[in-house]
Amino acid sequence: PFIQIVLNATNSRTAALIITILVISTNIQNIMNCAQISSRVIWSFARDEGFIFSKYFRDVHPALKAPVRAIFAAWAIGAALVVLYLGSTSAFNALSSALVVMSHITYSTISTHPFPLPLVANLVISNTNRIFLLCKRSSPFPTNFPLGSLGWGVNTITVVYMVFTAVMFCLPGFIPVGGANMN
């Protein structure tokens, strides 16, 4: 329906063709960039032994000088997601919503030295928080980028945003809600 929408909007077959070619070529470039980035992330995790079957995926092809196995793994994961989308859009939407919620939860855990400290705990423990003052320290853990009293506000906004988006991504995308479109 994209081409028909562009054709209806422009009332010109030539303009619709040019716009469609631009969109398709941009999407192809984006797909290649995503594949390259995700394969490099897989290779980096495998190199640091943080990925499943690390010894297999950290190899770099001697002639191509590229992590071919990691590239194939990235394409396989992408293909599995496409197959899931073709099989059931509800399952794909549920998976993508769950991944967004999980990435927000992961983001809310700041890796501070020497312990990971969730943002919520940082709000509760921090001395700059006048409501939840639980300790006498000015900062619970050392930080590389101290924001002082502004840090409490930034952390509060981040936690509120995280909770808001987690709730919004768990809500159904269509009304009326049925078994097929419930997220």
N, C-alpha and C. Protein backbone atom coordinates (compact mmCIF):
# COMPACT_ATOMS: atom_id res chain seq x y z
N PRO A 1 0.80 -1.20 0.00
CA PRO A 1 0.00 0.00 0.00
C PRO A 1 0.85 1.28 0.00
N PHE A 2 2.15 1.18 0.30
CA PHE A 2 2.99 2.37 0.35
C PHE A 2 3.04 3.08 -0.99
N ILE A 3 3.24 2.32 -2.06
CA ILE A 3 3.35 2.93 -3.38
C ILE A 3 2.03 3.58 -3.77
N GLN A 4 0.93 2.93 -3.44
CA GLN A 4 -0.37 3.51 -3.76
C GLN A 4 -0.61 4.80 -2.97
N ILE A 5 -0.18 4.82 -1.72
CA ILE A 5 -0.32 6.04 -0.91
C ILE A 5 0.49 7.18 -1.51
N VAL A 6 1.72 6.88 -1.93
CA VAL A 6 2.56 7.91 -2.56
C VAL A 6 1.95 8.36 -3.88
N LEU A 7 1.43 7.40 -4.66
CA LEU A 7 0.80 7.75 -5.93
C LEU A 7 -0.42 8.63 -5.71
N ASN A 8 -1.23 8.30 -4.71
CA ASN A 8 -2.40 9.13 -4.41
C ASN A 8 -2.00 10.52 -3.92
N ALA A 9 -0.91 10.60 -3.17
CA ALA A 9 -0.47 11.89 -2.63
C ALA A 9 0.14 12.78 -3.71
N THR A 10 0.87 12.19 -4.65
CA THR A 10 1.56 12.99 -5.66
C THR A 10 0.79 13.15 -6.96
N ASN A 11 -0.13 12.24 -7.23
CA ASN A 11 -0.88 12.22 -8.50
C ASN A 11 0.05 12.15 -9.71
N SER A 12 1.21 11.53 -9.52
CA SER A 12 2.18 11.41 -10.60
C SER A 12 2.89 10.08 -10.47
N ARG A 13 2.86 9.30 -11.56
CA ARG A 13 3.55 8.00 -11.53
C ARG A 13 5.07 8.20 -11.44
N THR A 14 5.58 9.23 -12.09
CA THR A 14 7.02 9.49 -12.06
C THR A 14 7.48 9.87 -10.66
N ALA A 15 6.75 10.76 -10.01
CA ALA A 15 7.12 11.16 -8.64
C ALA A 15 7.00 9.98 -7.69
N ALA A 16 5.95 9.17 -7.85
CA ALA A 16 5.78 8.00 -6.99
C ALA A 16 6.93 7.02 -7.19
N LEU A 17 7.36 6.84 -8.45
CA LEU A 17 8.47 5.94 -8.73
C LEU A 17 9.77 6.46 -8.11
N ILE A 18 10.04 7.74 -8.26
CA ILE A 18 11.27 8.32 -7.70
C ILE A 18 11.27 8.23 -6.18
N ILE A 19 10.16 8.57 -5.56
CA ILE A 19 10.08 8.49 -4.09
C ILE A 19 10.23 7.06 -3.62
N THR A 20 9.60 6.12 -4.32
CA THR A 20 9.70 4.71 -3.94
C THR A 20 11.13 4.21 -4.09
N ILE A 21 11.81 4.59 -5.16
CA ILE A 21 13.21 4.19 -5.34
C ILE A 21 14.08 4.77 -4.23
N LEU A 22 13.85 6.02 -3.87
CA LEU A 22 14.61 6.63 -2.77
C LEU A 22 14.38 5.90 -1.46
N VAL A 23 13.13 5.57 -1.17
CA VAL A 23 12.82 4.87 0.08
C VAL A 23 13.43 3.48 0.09
N ILE A 24 13.31 2.75 -1.02
CA ILE A 24 13.86 1.39 -1.07
C ILE A 24 15.38 1.42 -0.97
N SER A 25 16.04 2.34 -1.68
CA SER A 25 17.51 2.40 -1.60
C SER A 25 17.97 2.80 -0.20
N THR A 26 17.25 3.70 0.45
CA THR A 26 17.58 4.07 1.83
C THR A 26 17.40 2.88 2.76
N ASN A 27 16.33 2.13 2.57
CA ASN A 27 16.09 0.96 3.42
C ASN A 27 17.16 -0.11 3.21
N ILE A 28 17.59 -0.31 1.97
CA ILE A 28 18.65 -1.29 1.71
C ILE A 28 19.94 -0.87 2.42
N GLN A 29 20.28 0.40 2.34
CA GLN A 29 21.47 0.89 3.04
C GLN A 29 21.33 0.72 4.54
N ASN A 30 20.15 1.01 5.09
CA ASN A 30 19.93 0.83 6.52
C ASN A 30 20.04 -0.63 6.93
N ILE A 31 19.54 -1.53 6.10
CA ILE A 31 19.64 -2.96 6.41
C ILE A 31 21.10 -3.38 6.46
N MET A 32 21.90 -2.92 5.49
CA MET A 32 23.32 -3.28 5.49
C MET A 32 24.03 -2.70 6.71
N ASN A 33 23.70 -1.47 7.08
CA ASN A 33 24.32 -0.86 8.27
C ASN A 33 23.93 -1.61 9.53
N CYS A 34 22.66 -1.97 9.67
CA CYS A 34 22.22 -2.72 10.85
C CYS A 34 22.89 -4.08 10.92
N ALA A 35 23.02 -4.75 9.77
CA ALA A 35 23.69 -6.05 9.76
C ALA A 35 25.16 -5.91 10.15
N GLN A 36 25.81 -4.86 9.67
CA GLN A 36 27.22 -4.65 10.01
C GLN A 36 27.37 -4.35 11.50
N ILE A 37 26.55 -3.48 12.01
CA ILE A 37 26.65 -3.11 13.43
C ILE A 37 26.34 -4.30 14.32
N SER A 38 25.26 -5.02 14.02
CA SER A 38 24.89 -6.15 14.89
C SER A 38 25.92 -7.26 14.81
N SER A 39 26.51 -7.49 13.63
CA SER A 39 27.54 -8.53 13.55
C SER A 39 28.78 -8.11 14.33
N ARG A 40 29.12 -6.83 14.32
CA ARG A 40 30.28 -6.37 15.10
C ARG A 40 30.00 -6.46 16.60
N VAL A 41 28.77 -6.22 16.99
CA VAL A 41 28.42 -6.36 18.41
C VAL A 41 28.52 -7.83 18.83
N ILE A 42 28.00 -8.73 17.99
CA ILE A 42 28.10 -10.16 18.28
C ILE A 42 29.57 -10.56 18.36
N TRP A 43 30.38 -10.11 17.41
CA TRP A 43 31.80 -10.45 17.42
C TRP A 43 32.49 -9.89 18.66
N SER A 44 32.16 -8.66 19.05
CA SER A 44 32.79 -8.06 20.23
C SER A 44 32.43 -8.82 21.50
N PHE A 45 31.16 -9.17 21.64
CA PHE A 45 30.76 -9.95 22.80
C PHE A 45 31.42 -11.32 22.79
N ALA A 46 31.52 -11.94 21.62
CA ALA A 46 32.16 -13.25 21.53
C ALA A 46 33.65 -13.14 21.84
N ARG A 47 34.29 -12.08 21.38
CA ARG A 47 35.71 -11.87 21.66
C ARG A 47 35.96 -11.76 23.16
N ASP A 48 35.03 -11.09 23.86
CA ASP A 48 35.15 -10.92 25.30
C ASP A 48 34.50 -12.05 26.08
N GLU A 49 34.12 -13.11 25.38
CA GLU A 49 33.50 -14.31 25.95
C GLU A 49 32.20 -13.99 26.69
N GLY A 50 31.42 -13.09 26.12
CA GLY A 50 30.13 -12.76 26.70
C GLY A 50 28.96 -13.23 25.86
N PHE A 51 29.25 -13.94 24.78
CA PHE A 51 28.21 -14.42 23.87
C PHE A 51 28.22 -15.94 23.88
N ILE A 52 27.07 -16.52 23.59
CA ILE A 52 26.98 -17.98 23.54
C ILE A 52 27.87 -18.50 22.40
N PHE A 53 28.55 -19.60 22.62
CA PHE A 53 29.50 -20.19 21.67
C PHE A 53 30.55 -19.17 21.24
N SER A 54 31.15 -18.52 22.23
CA SER A 54 32.11 -17.44 21.97
C SER A 54 33.28 -17.88 21.10
N LYS A 55 33.80 -19.07 21.35
CA LYS A 55 34.96 -19.52 20.58
C LYS A 55 34.63 -19.66 19.10
N TYR A 56 33.39 -19.99 18.80
CA TYR A 56 32.98 -20.14 17.40
C TYR A 56 32.77 -18.79 16.72
N PHE A 57 32.13 -17.86 17.41
CA PHE A 57 31.76 -16.59 16.78
C PHE A 57 32.85 -15.53 16.82
N ARG A 58 33.92 -15.73 17.57
CA ARG A 58 34.95 -14.70 17.63
C ARG A 58 36.00 -14.84 16.53
N ASP A 59 35.91 -15.88 15.74
CA ASP A 59 36.87 -16.06 14.66
C ASP A 59 36.68 -15.01 13.57
N VAL A 60 37.81 -14.55 13.05
CA VAL A 60 37.81 -13.62 11.93
C VAL A 60 38.36 -14.37 10.72
N HIS A 61 37.65 -14.29 9.61
CA HIS A 61 38.06 -14.99 8.39
C HIS A 61 39.41 -14.43 7.93
N PRO A 62 40.40 -15.30 7.71
CA PRO A 62 41.74 -14.79 7.40
C PRO A 62 41.83 -14.05 6.06
N ALA A 63 41.11 -14.50 5.06
CA ALA A 63 41.20 -13.84 3.75
C ALA A 63 40.32 -12.59 3.69
N LEU A 64 39.12 -12.68 4.23
CA LEU A 64 38.19 -11.55 4.17
C LEU A 64 38.43 -10.53 5.27
N LYS A 65 39.12 -10.96 6.32
CA LYS A 65 39.37 -10.11 7.49
C LYS A 65 38.07 -9.52 8.05
N ALA A 66 37.08 -10.40 8.17
CA ALA A 66 35.77 -10.01 8.69
C ALA A 66 35.23 -11.16 9.54
N PRO A 67 34.42 -10.85 10.53
CA PRO A 67 33.82 -11.90 11.37
C PRO A 67 32.64 -12.55 10.65
N VAL A 68 32.94 -13.44 9.71
CA VAL A 68 31.91 -14.02 8.84
C VAL A 68 30.87 -14.78 9.65
N ARG A 69 31.30 -15.53 10.64
CA ARG A 69 30.34 -16.29 11.46
C ARG A 69 29.41 -15.36 12.23
N ALA A 70 29.93 -14.27 12.73
CA ALA A 70 29.08 -13.30 13.43
C ALA A 70 28.12 -12.61 12.46
N ILE A 71 28.57 -12.38 11.23
CA ILE A 71 27.68 -11.79 10.22
C ILE A 71 26.53 -12.74 9.93
N PHE A 72 26.83 -14.03 9.74
CA PHE A 72 25.77 -15.00 9.50
C PHE A 72 24.84 -15.13 10.70
N ALA A 73 25.39 -15.03 11.89
CA ALA A 73 24.54 -15.08 13.09
C ALA A 73 23.59 -13.89 13.14
N ALA A 74 24.09 -12.70 12.80
CA ALA A 74 23.23 -11.51 12.78
C ALA A 74 22.14 -11.66 11.74
N TRP A 75 22.49 -12.16 10.56
CA TRP A 75 21.47 -12.36 9.53
C TRP A 75 20.47 -13.44 9.95
N ALA A 76 20.93 -14.49 10.62
CA ALA A 76 20.01 -15.55 11.06
C ALA A 76 19.03 -15.02 12.10
N ILE A 77 19.52 -14.20 13.02
CA ILE A 77 18.63 -13.62 14.03
C ILE A 77 17.61 -12.70 13.36
N GLY A 78 18.07 -11.89 12.41
CA GLY A 78 17.16 -11.02 11.66
C GLY A 78 16.13 -11.81 10.87
N ALA A 79 16.57 -12.90 10.24
CA ALA A 79 15.64 -13.73 9.47
C ALA A 79 14.62 -14.39 10.39
N ALA A 80 15.05 -14.80 11.57
CA ALA A 80 14.10 -15.40 12.52
C ALA A 80 13.04 -14.39 12.94
N LEU A 81 13.44 -13.14 13.11
CA LEU A 81 12.47 -12.10 13.46
C LEU A 81 11.50 -11.83 12.31
N VAL A 82 12.00 -11.87 11.08
CA VAL A 82 11.11 -11.68 9.92
C VAL A 82 10.13 -12.84 9.81
N VAL A 83 10.61 -14.05 10.01
CA VAL A 83 9.72 -15.22 9.96
C VAL A 83 8.66 -15.12 11.05
N LEU A 84 9.06 -14.66 12.23
CA LEU A 84 8.09 -14.47 13.30
C LEU A 84 7.04 -13.44 12.90
N TYR A 85 7.47 -12.36 12.25
CA TYR A 85 6.53 -11.33 11.80
C TYR A 85 5.58 -11.87 10.73
N LEU A 86 6.11 -12.67 9.82
CA LEU A 86 5.25 -13.25 8.78
C LEU A 86 4.27 -14.25 9.37
N GLY A 87 4.68 -14.95 10.41
CA GLY A 87 3.80 -15.94 11.04
C GLY A 87 2.69 -15.31 11.84
N SER A 88 3.02 -14.33 12.66
CA SER A 88 2.02 -13.71 13.51
C SER A 88 2.47 -12.30 13.88
N THR A 89 1.72 -11.32 13.43
CA THR A 89 2.08 -9.95 13.77
C THR A 89 1.88 -9.69 15.26
N SER A 90 0.93 -10.39 15.87
CA SER A 90 0.72 -10.22 17.32
C SER A 90 1.93 -10.72 18.09
N ALA A 91 2.47 -11.87 17.68
CA ALA A 91 3.65 -12.40 18.36
C ALA A 91 4.85 -11.48 18.16
N PHE A 92 5.01 -10.94 16.96
CA PHE A 92 6.11 -10.02 16.70
C PHE A 92 5.97 -8.75 17.52
N ASN A 93 4.75 -8.20 17.57
CA ASN A 93 4.53 -6.99 18.36
C ASN A 93 4.76 -7.24 19.84
N ALA A 94 4.34 -8.41 20.33
CA ALA A 94 4.57 -8.74 21.73
C ALA A 94 6.06 -8.87 22.01
N LEU A 95 6.78 -9.52 21.10
CA LEU A 95 8.23 -9.67 21.29
C LEU A 95 8.93 -8.32 21.24
N SER A 96 8.59 -7.48 20.27
CA SER A 96 9.26 -6.18 20.18
C SER A 96 8.92 -5.30 21.37
N SER A 97 7.69 -5.37 21.86
CA SER A 97 7.33 -4.60 23.06
C SER A 97 8.10 -5.11 24.27
N ALA A 98 8.22 -6.42 24.39
CA ALA A 98 8.97 -6.99 25.51
C ALA A 98 10.44 -6.59 25.43
N LEU A 99 11.00 -6.56 24.23
CA LEU A 99 12.40 -6.17 24.09
C LEU A 99 12.61 -4.71 24.45
N VAL A 100 11.67 -3.85 24.10
CA VAL A 100 11.79 -2.44 24.47
C VAL A 100 11.71 -2.28 25.99
N VAL A 101 10.76 -2.98 26.61
CA VAL A 101 10.62 -2.91 28.07
C VAL A 101 11.89 -3.44 28.74
N MET A 102 12.41 -4.56 28.24
CA MET A 102 13.63 -5.12 28.84
C MET A 102 14.83 -4.21 28.64
N SER A 103 14.92 -3.55 27.48
CA SER A 103 16.05 -2.63 27.28
C SER A 103 15.93 -1.42 28.19
N HIS A 104 14.71 -0.97 28.47
CA HIS A 104 14.53 0.14 29.41
C HIS A 104 14.92 -0.29 30.82
N ILE A 105 14.56 -1.49 31.20
CA ILE A 105 14.94 -1.99 32.52
C ILE A 105 16.46 -2.12 32.60
N THR A 106 17.08 -2.61 31.53
CA THR A 106 18.53 -2.72 31.50
C THR A 106 19.18 -1.34 31.57
N TYR A 107 18.62 -0.39 30.85
CA TYR A 107 19.17 0.97 30.87
C TYR A 107 19.06 1.60 32.24
N SER A 108 18.01 1.23 32.97
CA SER A 108 17.83 1.82 34.29
C SER A 108 18.86 1.33 35.29
N THR A 109 19.59 0.28 34.93
CA THR A 109 20.66 -0.21 35.79
C THR A 109 21.96 0.39 35.30
N ILE A 110 22.43 1.37 36.01
CA ILE A 110 23.67 2.04 35.64
C ILE A 110 24.83 1.23 36.20
N SER A 111 25.79 0.96 35.37
CA SER A 111 26.95 0.19 35.82
C SER A 111 27.96 1.16 36.42
N THR A 112 27.90 1.31 37.73
CA THR A 112 28.85 2.18 38.42
C THR A 112 29.89 1.31 39.10
N HIS A 113 31.03 1.88 39.30
CA HIS A 113 32.11 1.13 39.94
C HIS A 113 31.93 1.17 41.44
N PRO A 114 31.99 0.09 42.17
CA PRO A 114 32.26 -1.27 41.74
C PRO A 114 31.00 -2.11 41.57
N PHE A 115 29.82 -1.56 41.83
CA PHE A 115 28.59 -2.34 41.78
C PHE A 115 27.59 -1.69 40.83
N PRO A 116 26.78 -2.50 40.13
CA PRO A 116 25.70 -1.89 39.35
C PRO A 116 24.62 -1.38 40.29
N LEU A 117 24.19 -0.16 40.08
CA LEU A 117 23.22 0.47 40.98
C LEU A 117 22.02 0.93 40.16
N PRO A 118 20.85 0.40 40.41
CA PRO A 118 19.69 0.86 39.65
C PRO A 118 19.40 2.33 39.92
N LEU A 119 18.81 2.99 38.94
CA LEU A 119 18.48 4.40 39.09
C LEU A 119 17.55 4.63 40.27
N VAL A 120 16.60 3.72 40.48
CA VAL A 120 15.66 3.89 41.58
C VAL A 120 16.40 3.87 42.91
N ALA A 121 17.34 2.92 43.05
CA ALA A 121 18.12 2.87 44.29
C ALA A 121 19.00 4.10 44.41
N ASN A 122 19.49 4.60 43.29
CA ASN A 122 20.29 5.82 43.32
C ASN A 122 19.46 6.99 43.83
N LEU A 123 18.19 7.03 43.44
CA LEU A 123 17.31 8.09 43.94
C LEU A 123 17.09 7.95 45.44
N VAL A 124 16.92 6.72 45.90
CA VAL A 124 16.62 6.49 47.31
C VAL A 124 17.85 6.75 48.17
N ILE A 125 19.03 6.35 47.69
CA ILE A 125 20.24 6.45 48.50
C ILE A 125 20.87 7.84 48.42
N SER A 126 20.70 8.53 47.32
CA SER A 126 21.41 9.78 47.09
C SER A 126 21.09 10.84 48.15
N ASN A 127 22.11 11.57 48.54
CA ASN A 127 21.95 12.61 49.55
C ASN A 127 21.23 13.83 49.00
N THR A 128 21.25 14.01 47.67
CA THR A 128 20.58 15.17 47.08
C THR A 128 19.08 15.01 47.07
N ASN A 129 18.59 13.81 47.33
CA ASN A 129 17.14 13.59 47.38
C ASN A 129 16.66 13.93 48.78
N ARG A 130 15.93 15.00 48.92
CA ARG A 130 15.48 15.46 50.23
C ARG A 130 14.32 14.63 50.78
N ILE A 131 13.61 13.92 49.92
CA ILE A 131 12.46 13.14 50.37
C ILE A 131 12.89 11.80 50.95
N PHE A 132 13.79 11.10 50.26
CA PHE A 132 14.18 9.75 50.65
C PHE A 132 15.60 9.70 51.21
N LEU A 133 15.94 10.56 52.11
CA LEU A 133 17.28 10.62 52.66
C LEU A 133 17.51 9.42 53.58
N LEU A 134 18.26 8.43 53.10
CA LEU A 134 18.51 7.21 53.87
C LEU A 134 19.95 7.10 54.34
N CYS A 135 20.84 7.91 53.83
CA CYS A 135 22.23 7.81 54.26
C CYS A 135 22.84 9.20 54.28
N LYS A 136 24.01 9.31 54.87
CA LYS A 136 24.67 10.61 55.05
C LYS A 136 25.70 10.90 53.96
N ARG A 137 25.90 9.97 53.03
CA ARG A 137 26.91 10.16 52.00
C ARG A 137 26.42 11.13 50.93
N SER A 138 27.35 11.86 50.33
CA SER A 138 26.96 12.77 49.26
C SER A 138 26.71 12.01 47.96
N SER A 139 27.41 10.91 47.76
CA SER A 139 27.20 10.08 46.58
C SER A 139 27.42 8.63 46.99
N PRO A 140 26.50 7.73 46.68
CA PRO A 140 26.66 6.35 47.11
C PRO A 140 27.86 5.66 46.48
N PHE A 141 28.17 5.99 45.22
CA PHE A 141 29.30 5.39 44.53
C PHE A 141 29.98 6.48 43.70
N PRO A 142 31.27 6.33 43.45
CA PRO A 142 31.95 7.34 42.63
C PRO A 142 31.40 7.32 41.21
N THR A 143 31.43 8.48 40.57
CA THR A 143 30.92 8.59 39.22
C THR A 143 31.89 9.37 38.35
N ASN A 144 31.86 9.11 37.06
CA ASN A 144 32.74 9.81 36.13
C ASN A 144 32.15 11.13 35.65
N PHE A 145 30.84 11.30 35.79
CA PHE A 145 30.17 12.49 35.28
C PHE A 145 29.16 12.97 36.32
N PRO A 146 29.65 13.60 37.41
CA PRO A 146 28.72 14.02 38.47
C PRO A 146 27.88 15.21 38.03
N LEU A 147 26.59 15.14 38.33
CA LEU A 147 25.67 16.23 38.00
C LEU A 147 25.24 17.02 39.21
N GLY A 148 25.71 16.63 40.39
CA GLY A 148 25.32 17.33 41.61
C GLY A 148 23.84 17.21 41.87
N SER A 149 23.21 18.31 42.24
CA SER A 149 21.78 18.27 42.55
C SER A 149 20.94 18.08 41.29
N LEU A 150 21.49 18.38 40.11
CA LEU A 150 20.77 18.14 38.86
C LEU A 150 20.62 16.65 38.58
N GLY A 151 21.53 15.84 39.11
CA GLY A 151 21.48 14.40 38.89
C GLY A 151 20.21 13.76 39.41
N TRP A 152 19.72 14.25 40.55
CA TRP A 152 18.49 13.69 41.10
C TRP A 152 17.33 13.94 40.14
N GLY A 153 17.25 15.12 39.57
CA GLY A 153 16.17 15.42 38.62
C GLY A 153 16.28 14.60 37.36
N VAL A 154 17.50 14.44 36.85
CA VAL A 154 17.71 13.64 35.65
C VAL A 154 17.33 12.18 35.92
N ASN A 155 17.75 11.64 37.07
CA ASN A 155 17.40 10.27 37.41
C ASN A 155 15.90 10.11 37.58
N THR A 156 15.25 11.09 38.19
CA THR A 156 13.80 11.01 38.38
C THR A 156 13.08 11.00 37.04
N ILE A 157 13.48 11.89 36.14
CA ILE A 157 12.87 11.93 34.81
C ILE A 157 13.10 10.61 34.08
N THR A 158 14.29 10.05 34.21
CA THR A 158 14.59 8.78 33.55
C THR A 158 13.73 7.66 34.08
N VAL A 159 13.57 7.58 35.40
CA VAL A 159 12.76 6.52 35.99
C VAL A 159 11.29 6.69 35.59
N VAL A 160 10.79 7.91 35.62
CA VAL A 160 9.39 8.16 35.23
C VAL A 160 9.19 7.80 33.76
N TYR A 161 10.13 8.17 32.91
CA TYR A 161 10.04 7.83 31.49
C TYR A 161 10.08 6.33 31.30
N MET A 162 10.96 5.65 32.03
CA MET A 162 11.07 4.20 31.92
C MET A 162 9.77 3.53 32.30
N VAL A 163 9.16 3.94 33.40
CA VAL A 163 7.90 3.35 33.85
C VAL A 163 6.79 3.66 32.84
N PHE A 164 6.74 4.90 32.35
CA PHE A 164 5.72 5.29 31.38
C PHE A 164 5.82 4.46 30.10
N THR A 165 7.03 4.34 29.55
CA THR A 165 7.17 3.58 28.31
C THR A 165 6.94 2.10 28.53
N ALA A 166 7.33 1.58 29.69
CA ALA A 166 7.06 0.17 29.97
C ALA A 166 5.57 -0.10 29.99
N VAL A 167 4.80 0.79 30.57
CA VAL A 167 3.34 0.63 30.60
C VAL A 167 2.77 0.80 29.20
N MET A 168 3.22 1.81 28.47
CA MET A 168 2.67 2.08 27.14
C MET A 168 2.96 0.95 26.16
N PHE A 169 4.14 0.36 26.23
CA PHE A 169 4.47 -0.73 25.32
C PHE A 169 3.75 -2.02 25.68
N CYS A 170 3.20 -2.11 26.86
CA CYS A 170 2.43 -3.29 27.24
C CYS A 170 0.95 -3.15 26.93
N LEU A 171 0.51 -1.97 26.54
CA LEU A 171 -0.89 -1.76 26.19
C LEU A 171 -1.14 -2.22 24.75
N PRO A 172 -2.37 -2.62 24.45
CA PRO A 172 -2.67 -3.04 23.07
C PRO A 172 -2.60 -1.86 22.11
N GLY A 173 -2.29 -2.16 20.87
CA GLY A 173 -2.14 -1.12 19.88
C GLY A 173 -3.42 -0.74 19.16
N PHE A 174 -4.46 -1.54 19.32
CA PHE A 174 -5.70 -1.30 18.59
C PHE A 174 -6.89 -1.39 19.53
N ILE A 175 -7.96 -0.67 19.18
CA ILE A 175 -9.23 -0.76 19.89
C ILE A 175 -10.26 -1.19 18.86
N PRO A 176 -11.11 -2.13 19.12
CA PRO A 176 -11.32 -2.86 20.36
C PRO A 176 -10.26 -3.94 20.56
N VAL A 177 -10.03 -4.26 21.80
CA VAL A 177 -9.02 -5.23 22.16
C VAL A 177 -9.60 -6.63 22.05
N GLY A 178 -8.86 -7.48 21.37
CA GLY A 178 -9.25 -8.88 21.24
C GLY A 178 -8.06 -9.77 21.48
N GLY A 179 -8.27 -11.05 21.37
CA GLY A 179 -7.18 -12.00 21.58
C GLY A 179 -6.08 -11.87 20.55
N ALA A 180 -6.41 -11.44 19.34
CA ALA A 180 -5.42 -11.34 18.27
C ALA A 180 -4.55 -10.10 18.38
N ASN A 181 -5.08 -9.02 18.97
CA ASN A 181 -4.29 -7.79 19.01
C ASN A 181 -3.87 -7.39 20.41
N MET A 182 -4.12 -8.22 21.40
CA MET A 182 -3.68 -7.91 22.76
C MET A 182 -2.18 -8.05 22.82
N ASN A 183 -1.53 -7.06 23.39
CA ASN A 183 -0.07 -7.05 23.41
C ASN A 183 0.41 -7.80 24.62
